[in-house]
Amino acid sequence: MMNPRVLVLCGGLSHERDVSLSSGHRVAGFLEDTGKWDVAIHDVDNALLDFLTDPATRPDIVWPLLHGSYGEDGSIRDVLEMVDLPYIGSRAKASMLAWNKPIAKNIVRKIGRLHTPHSVTLPQEVFRELGVQPIINHIVNSLGLPLIVKPSMGGSALGCTVVHDIAQLPQALVDCFAYAHTALIEHFVEGTEVSVSILDTGDEIIALPALEISTPHGIYDYSERYTPGETEFIVPARLDSDVLERVKDDALTAYQVLGMRDISRIDFIVDRDGIPQFLEANVTPGMTDVSILPRQAVAAGFNLGDLYSRIVESVLSQNRNVPHEKSSL
């Protein structure tokens, strides 16, 4: 009897292509090592649809490990649903909501129990039409300093800058607009940066231990994410037990209200009063050898090959490519 076919999608044309390729090859390798799966890897190109629909190559399940742009905004997931293929991860509509940081913050804020830093969201045109300096003055008057400027949609902290002085804000905006049309300008909360990865194995929804991120420069930017040795990761985070429990509960709440499924990562800053401040939800967490989720899973005692296989088995058992599912998140 042939093993089920698992297709890992990675690569793509976003700024995070290299990270995606690394994530995809790592996950594929762990799945292959279990001996349970016939694993293939495919980039997003003009041969993909033929590969997905040809009976000779059509997979039984797809694991999208595309980072950035259409990899996490729901687009490729819509395509997978159109060709009736089950896939691992959040539905297209939920991905679109979580991928847009201001929308995700709004959804989380509206439930009333979770906190998120005060922010404004402004497109590039506003600065052109109303004048850069007047808008900057009002931003600082409204939100105070320090600030963090980040693309409203994007990953790996590309285009993110912490601003301690108003004179730094124009360049921070320029750097942000290199990666997105709209900037999320957020009050920068001093505290402990933590992440909680959430996995649905079919039997249970697991919140992996909160991981603390300690960086030499105070921001977990692209180079510190993917350069070994730049950042210290502590699992579990060095927080009081009651704060750790609250971070876990808030992560599970965000996962649920955003309609996420299977695998995600929720990022917070725990402020100096011990209150978790929601930053963002990651639709496709990094799975490289220096990424957060694998570190948390290993710290919790999981074998990565076995854990990833449990997720694949769970999704396969659900018969997700049935027509009626397409009407809901």
Protein backbone atom coordinates (compact mmCIF):
# COMPACT_ATOMS: atom_id res chain seq x y z
CA MET A 1 0.00 0.00 0.00
CA MET A 2 1.35 3.42 -1.00
CA ASN A 3 1.99 6.07 1.61
CA PRO A 4 -0.27 9.15 1.41
CA ARG A 5 1.17 11.94 -0.70
CA VAL A 6 2.09 15.14 1.17
CA LEU A 7 3.02 18.19 -0.87
CA VAL A 8 5.00 20.92 0.90
CA LEU A 9 4.60 24.29 -0.81
CA CYS A 10 7.47 26.70 -0.25
CA GLY A 11 9.44 29.43 -1.97
CA GLY A 12 7.27 31.93 -3.79
CA LEU A 13 8.28 35.45 -4.78
CA SER A 14 7.95 37.35 -1.50
CA HIS A 15 10.78 38.99 0.43
CA GLU A 16 10.70 35.91 2.68
CA ARG A 17 11.39 33.37 -0.08
CA ASP A 18 14.60 32.05 1.49
CA VAL A 19 12.93 31.58 4.88
CA SER A 20 10.05 29.75 3.23
CA LEU A 21 12.40 27.40 1.39
CA SER A 22 14.23 26.64 4.62
CA SER A 23 10.95 26.02 6.48
CA GLY A 24 9.63 23.78 3.72
CA HIS A 25 12.72 21.61 3.42
CA ARG A 26 12.95 21.20 7.19
CA VAL A 27 9.34 20.06 7.54
CA ALA A 28 9.61 17.78 4.49
CA GLY A 29 12.74 16.19 5.94
CA PHE A 30 11.10 15.45 9.28
CA LEU A 31 8.04 13.96 7.57
CA GLU A 32 10.20 11.80 5.29
CA ASP A 33 12.17 10.50 8.27
CA THR A 34 9.01 8.96 9.76
CA GLY A 35 8.58 6.70 6.74
CA LYS A 36 4.82 7.34 6.76
CA TRP A 37 4.54 9.77 3.86
CA ASP A 38 5.41 10.17 0.21
CA VAL A 39 6.69 13.75 0.44
CA ALA A 40 7.17 16.17 -2.45
CA ILE A 41 8.26 19.82 -2.44
CA HIS A 42 7.02 22.36 -4.97
CA ASP A 43 7.56 26.06 -5.56
CA VAL A 44 4.74 28.40 -6.55
CA ASP A 45 5.10 28.64 -10.32
CA ASN A 46 3.21 28.06 -13.55
CA ALA A 47 3.66 24.29 -13.22
CA LEU A 48 1.94 24.09 -9.84
CA LEU A 49 -1.68 23.79 -10.96
CA ASP A 50 -0.83 20.95 -13.34
CA PHE A 51 1.00 19.20 -10.50
CA LEU A 52 -2.01 19.63 -8.18
CA THR A 53 -4.57 18.33 -10.69
CA ASP A 54 -2.70 15.62 -12.61
CA PRO A 55 -3.75 12.22 -11.16
CA ALA A 56 -0.14 11.04 -11.42
CA THR A 57 1.12 13.77 -9.08
CA ARG A 58 -1.96 15.07 -7.24
CA PRO A 59 -1.22 15.02 -3.49
CA ASP A 60 -3.54 13.79 -0.77
CA ILE A 61 -2.79 16.86 1.34
CA VAL A 62 -0.86 20.11 1.01
CA TRP A 63 1.20 21.85 3.69
CA PRO A 64 1.61 25.51 2.63
CA LEU A 65 4.81 26.90 4.12
CA LEU A 66 4.86 30.10 2.12
CA HIS A 67 5.80 33.19 4.11
CA GLY A 68 4.70 36.68 3.17
CA SER A 69 2.24 38.12 0.62
CA TYR A 70 -0.05 35.55 -1.00
CA GLY A 71 1.46 32.76 1.05
CA GLU A 72 -0.23 34.05 4.20
CA ASP A 73 -2.98 36.36 2.95
CA GLY A 74 -5.24 33.46 2.00
CA SER A 75 -4.72 33.60 -1.78
CA ILE A 76 -2.96 30.26 -2.25
CA ARG A 77 -5.42 28.65 0.18
CA ASP A 78 -8.30 29.81 -1.99
CA VAL A 79 -6.60 28.14 -4.95
CA LEU A 80 -6.21 24.89 -2.99
CA GLU A 81 -9.90 24.98 -2.13
CA MET A 82 -10.82 25.57 -5.77
CA VAL A 83 -9.01 22.36 -6.75
CA ASP A 84 -10.55 20.49 -3.78
CA LEU A 85 -7.35 19.73 -1.93
CA PRO A 86 -7.18 19.61 1.87
CA TYR A 87 -4.38 21.65 3.37
CA ILE A 88 -2.83 22.33 6.74
CA GLY A 89 -3.46 25.72 8.27
CA SER A 90 -6.10 28.39 8.64
CA ARG A 91 -8.82 28.88 6.03
CA ALA A 92 -8.37 31.58 3.39
CA LYS A 93 -10.67 34.14 5.05
CA ALA A 94 -9.15 33.65 8.51
CA SER A 95 -5.67 33.94 7.00
CA MET A 96 -6.59 37.21 5.35
CA LEU A 97 -7.83 38.66 8.65
CA ALA A 98 -4.84 37.52 10.69
CA TRP A 99 -2.33 38.57 8.01
CA ASN A 100 -3.59 42.15 8.19
CA LYS A 101 -2.11 43.30 11.51
CA PRO A 102 -4.46 46.28 12.11
CA ILE A 103 -7.54 44.15 11.40
CA ALA A 104 -6.28 41.37 13.68
CA LYS A 105 -5.63 43.92 16.45
CA ASN A 106 -9.15 45.31 15.98
CA ILE A 107 -10.79 41.89 16.20
CA VAL A 108 -8.81 41.00 19.31
CA ARG A 109 -9.51 44.36 20.95
CA LYS A 110 -13.26 44.09 20.38
CA ILE A 111 -13.65 41.01 22.55
CA GLY A 112 -12.78 43.25 25.50
CA ARG A 113 -10.50 40.91 27.44
CA LEU A 114 -7.27 41.10 25.48
CA HIS A 115 -4.98 44.12 25.34
CA THR A 116 -3.07 45.46 22.36
CA PRO A 117 -0.88 48.59 22.06
CA HIS A 118 -2.50 51.80 20.85
CA SER A 119 -1.81 52.45 17.19
CA VAL A 120 -2.80 54.23 13.99
CA THR A 121 -2.84 52.80 10.48
CA LEU A 122 -2.01 55.18 7.64
CA PRO A 123 -1.43 54.64 3.91
CA GLN A 124 1.39 56.33 2.06
CA GLU A 125 -1.03 58.74 0.30
CA VAL A 126 -2.05 60.39 3.58
CA PHE A 127 1.50 61.65 4.11
CA ARG A 128 1.70 62.89 0.52
CA GLU A 129 -1.62 64.72 0.60
CA LEU A 130 -1.61 66.15 4.13
CA GLY A 131 2.09 66.70 4.57
CA VAL A 132 4.63 64.49 6.32
CA GLN A 133 5.60 66.72 9.23
CA PRO A 134 2.07 67.72 10.36
CA ILE A 135 0.97 64.07 10.39
CA ILE A 136 4.13 63.01 12.22
CA ASN A 137 3.55 65.70 14.88
CA HIS A 138 0.00 64.48 15.47
CA ILE A 139 1.14 60.83 15.62
CA VAL A 140 3.65 61.62 18.35
CA ASN A 141 1.17 63.80 20.25
CA SER A 142 -1.42 61.03 20.11
CA LEU A 143 0.67 57.90 20.75
CA GLY A 144 3.76 59.29 22.47
CA LEU A 145 7.28 57.89 22.16
CA PRO A 146 8.80 55.39 21.67
CA LEU A 147 6.94 54.03 18.64
CA ILE A 148 7.37 51.06 16.38
CA VAL A 149 6.64 51.45 12.68
CA LYS A 150 5.81 48.27 10.78
CA PRO A 151 4.15 47.27 7.51
CA SER A 152 0.46 46.60 8.03
CA MET A 153 0.98 43.26 6.32
CA GLY A 154 4.24 41.35 6.34
CA GLY A 155 6.43 39.00 8.29
CA SER A 156 9.93 38.44 9.65
CA ALA A 157 9.95 42.03 10.98
CA LEU A 158 10.93 43.32 7.53
CA GLY A 159 10.46 47.09 7.38
CA CYS A 160 10.06 47.43 11.17
CA THR A 161 11.79 50.23 13.07
CA VAL A 162 11.68 51.32 16.69
CA VAL A 163 11.56 55.12 16.93
CA HIS A 164 12.79 56.87 20.08
CA ASP A 165 13.00 60.38 18.64
CA ILE A 166 10.56 62.20 16.35
CA ALA A 167 13.42 62.95 13.95
CA GLN A 168 13.74 59.21 13.24
CA LEU A 169 10.12 58.82 12.17
CA PRO A 170 10.37 59.97 8.51
CA GLN A 171 13.09 57.43 7.69
CA ALA A 172 11.21 54.70 9.57
CA LEU A 173 8.20 55.39 7.36
CA VAL A 174 10.33 55.26 4.21
CA ASP A 175 11.72 51.89 5.30
CA CYS A 176 8.23 50.62 6.06
CA PHE A 177 6.76 51.72 2.73
CA ALA A 178 9.46 49.75 0.92
CA TYR A 179 7.57 46.62 2.04
CA ALA A 180 3.92 47.68 2.18
CA HIS A 181 1.55 50.39 1.02
CA THR A 182 0.22 51.03 4.55
CA ALA A 183 2.04 51.57 7.85
CA LEU A 184 0.95 50.40 11.27
CA ILE A 185 2.38 52.90 13.75
CA GLU A 186 2.14 51.51 17.24
CA HIS A 187 3.13 52.65 20.69
CA PHE A 188 6.25 50.64 21.54
CA VAL A 189 5.62 48.79 24.78
CA GLU A 190 8.65 48.11 26.95
CA GLY A 191 8.60 44.62 28.39
CA THR A 192 9.23 40.96 27.69
CA GLU A 193 8.61 39.70 24.16
CA VAL A 194 7.01 36.26 24.16
CA SER A 195 5.47 33.90 21.62
CA VAL A 196 3.01 31.05 22.06
CA SER A 197 2.65 28.50 19.26
CA ILE A 198 -0.63 26.64 18.99
CA LEU A 199 -1.12 23.26 17.35
CA ASP A 200 -4.25 21.21 16.75
CA THR A 201 -3.31 17.53 16.66
CA GLY A 202 -6.90 16.32 16.34
CA ASP A 203 -6.97 14.96 19.88
CA GLU A 204 -6.32 18.34 21.49
CA ILE A 205 -5.36 21.94 20.88
CA ILE A 206 -1.89 22.39 22.34
CA ALA A 207 -0.46 25.72 23.45
CA LEU A 208 3.29 25.14 23.48
CA PRO A 209 5.29 26.72 26.33
CA ALA A 210 5.66 30.49 26.04
CA LEU A 211 9.07 31.38 24.63
CA GLU A 212 10.87 34.56 25.68
CA ILE A 213 12.88 36.42 23.06
CA SER A 214 15.83 38.43 24.33
CA THR A 215 17.68 40.44 21.71
CA PRO A 216 20.80 42.58 22.05
CA HIS A 217 19.11 45.55 20.33
CA GLY A 218 15.63 45.32 21.81
CA ILE A 219 13.81 44.27 18.63
CA TYR A 220 13.51 40.84 17.10
CA ASP A 221 14.34 41.94 13.55
CA TYR A 222 15.10 39.93 10.42
CA SER A 223 18.82 39.41 11.06
CA GLU A 224 18.25 38.35 14.66
CA ARG A 225 15.50 35.93 13.60
CA TYR A 226 17.64 34.05 11.12
CA THR A 227 21.23 34.54 12.32
CA PRO A 228 22.14 31.89 14.90
CA GLY A 229 23.62 33.33 18.07
CA GLU A 230 22.15 36.83 17.73
CA THR A 231 19.15 36.19 19.98
CA GLU A 232 18.58 34.34 23.23
CA PHE A 233 15.50 32.12 23.45
CA ILE A 234 14.24 31.07 26.88
CA VAL A 235 11.60 28.34 27.28
CA PRO A 236 9.55 28.73 29.34
CA ALA A 237 9.67 32.52 29.48
CA ARG A 238 11.01 34.04 32.69
CA LEU A 239 7.63 35.23 33.93
CA ASP A 240 5.58 34.54 37.04
CA SER A 241 3.41 31.45 36.78
CA ASP A 242 0.18 33.46 36.79
CA VAL A 243 1.47 35.65 33.95
CA LEU A 244 2.51 32.58 31.97
CA GLU A 245 -0.97 31.17 32.38
CA ARG A 246 -2.53 34.43 31.23
CA VAL A 247 -0.28 34.55 28.15
CA LYS A 248 -1.34 31.01 27.27
CA ASP A 249 -5.04 31.80 27.77
CA ASP A 250 -4.79 35.00 25.72
CA ALA A 251 -3.01 33.15 22.90
CA LEU A 252 -5.74 30.51 22.77
CA THR A 253 -8.40 33.23 22.81
CA ALA A 254 -6.75 35.10 19.91
CA TYR A 255 -6.42 31.82 17.99
CA GLN A 256 -10.13 31.18 18.41
CA VAL A 257 -11.52 34.67 17.72
CA LEU A 258 -9.40 34.99 14.58
CA GLY A 259 -10.76 31.68 13.31
CA MET A 260 -7.35 30.04 13.03
CA ARG A 261 -6.74 26.31 12.85
CA ASP A 262 -4.07 23.59 12.85
CA ILE A 263 -0.94 25.66 13.41
CA SER A 264 -0.22 29.26 14.33
CA ARG A 265 1.90 31.49 16.52
CA ILE A 266 0.66 34.40 18.63
CA ASP A 267 3.13 37.14 19.63
CA PHE A 268 2.91 39.38 22.68
CA ILE A 269 4.81 41.92 24.71
CA VAL A 270 4.25 41.42 28.43
CA ASP A 271 4.40 44.93 29.82
CA ARG A 272 5.91 45.99 33.13
CA ASP A 273 2.57 45.45 34.89
CA GLY A 274 2.52 41.82 33.74
CA ILE A 275 -0.22 42.38 31.15
CA PRO A 276 0.19 40.58 27.79
CA GLN A 277 -0.18 43.00 24.90
CA PHE A 278 -1.20 41.27 21.66
CA LEU A 279 1.05 42.14 18.71
CA GLU A 280 0.13 39.78 15.89
CA ALA A 281 -0.98 36.31 14.85
CA ASN A 282 1.21 34.31 12.49
CA VAL A 283 -0.66 32.29 9.88
CA THR A 284 2.43 30.37 8.77
CA PRO A 285 4.99 30.28 11.58
CA GLY A 286 8.61 29.83 10.59
CA MET A 287 9.77 26.21 10.76
CA THR A 288 13.50 26.69 10.16
CA ASP A 289 16.18 25.35 12.47
CA VAL A 290 16.25 28.72 14.29
CA SER A 291 12.47 29.32 14.34
CA ILE A 292 10.36 29.65 17.46
CA LEU A 293 7.78 26.89 17.01
CA PRO A 294 10.26 24.01 16.62
CA ARG A 295 12.21 25.28 19.64
CA GLN A 296 9.04 25.31 21.75
CA ALA A 297 8.00 21.85 20.59
CA VAL A 298 11.38 20.33 21.42
CA ALA A 299 11.39 22.07 24.82
CA ALA A 300 7.96 20.53 25.49
CA GLY A 301 9.37 17.06 24.79
CA PHE A 302 7.96 16.46 21.30
CA ASN A 303 9.74 14.61 18.52
CA LEU A 304 9.29 16.95 15.55
CA GLY A 305 8.73 14.21 12.98
CA ASP A 306 6.07 12.58 15.14
CA LEU A 307 4.43 15.92 15.94
CA TYR A 308 4.25 17.04 12.30
CA SER A 309 2.89 13.61 11.34
CA ARG A 310 0.12 13.94 13.94
CA ILE A 311 -0.94 17.22 12.36
CA VAL A 312 -0.99 15.69 8.87
CA GLU A 313 -2.96 12.67 10.12
CA SER A 314 -5.45 14.92 11.88
CA VAL A 315 -6.20 16.98 8.78
CA LEU A 316 -6.43 13.92 6.52
CA SER A 317 -8.95 12.33 8.87
CA GLN A 318 -11.30 15.33 8.60
CA ASN A 319 -12.19 15.05 4.88
CA ARG A 320 -11.88 18.82 4.53
CA ASN A 321 -12.30 19.00 0.77
CA VAL A 322 -16.06 18.52 1.01
CA PRO A 323 -18.14 21.19 -0.81
CA HIS A 324 -20.17 22.48 2.17
CA GLU A 325 -17.04 23.57 4.08
CA LYS A 326 -16.40 26.37 1.63
CA SER A 327 -19.19 28.46 3.06
CA SER A 328 -17.56 29.16 6.43
CA LEU A 329 -14.30 30.35 7.93
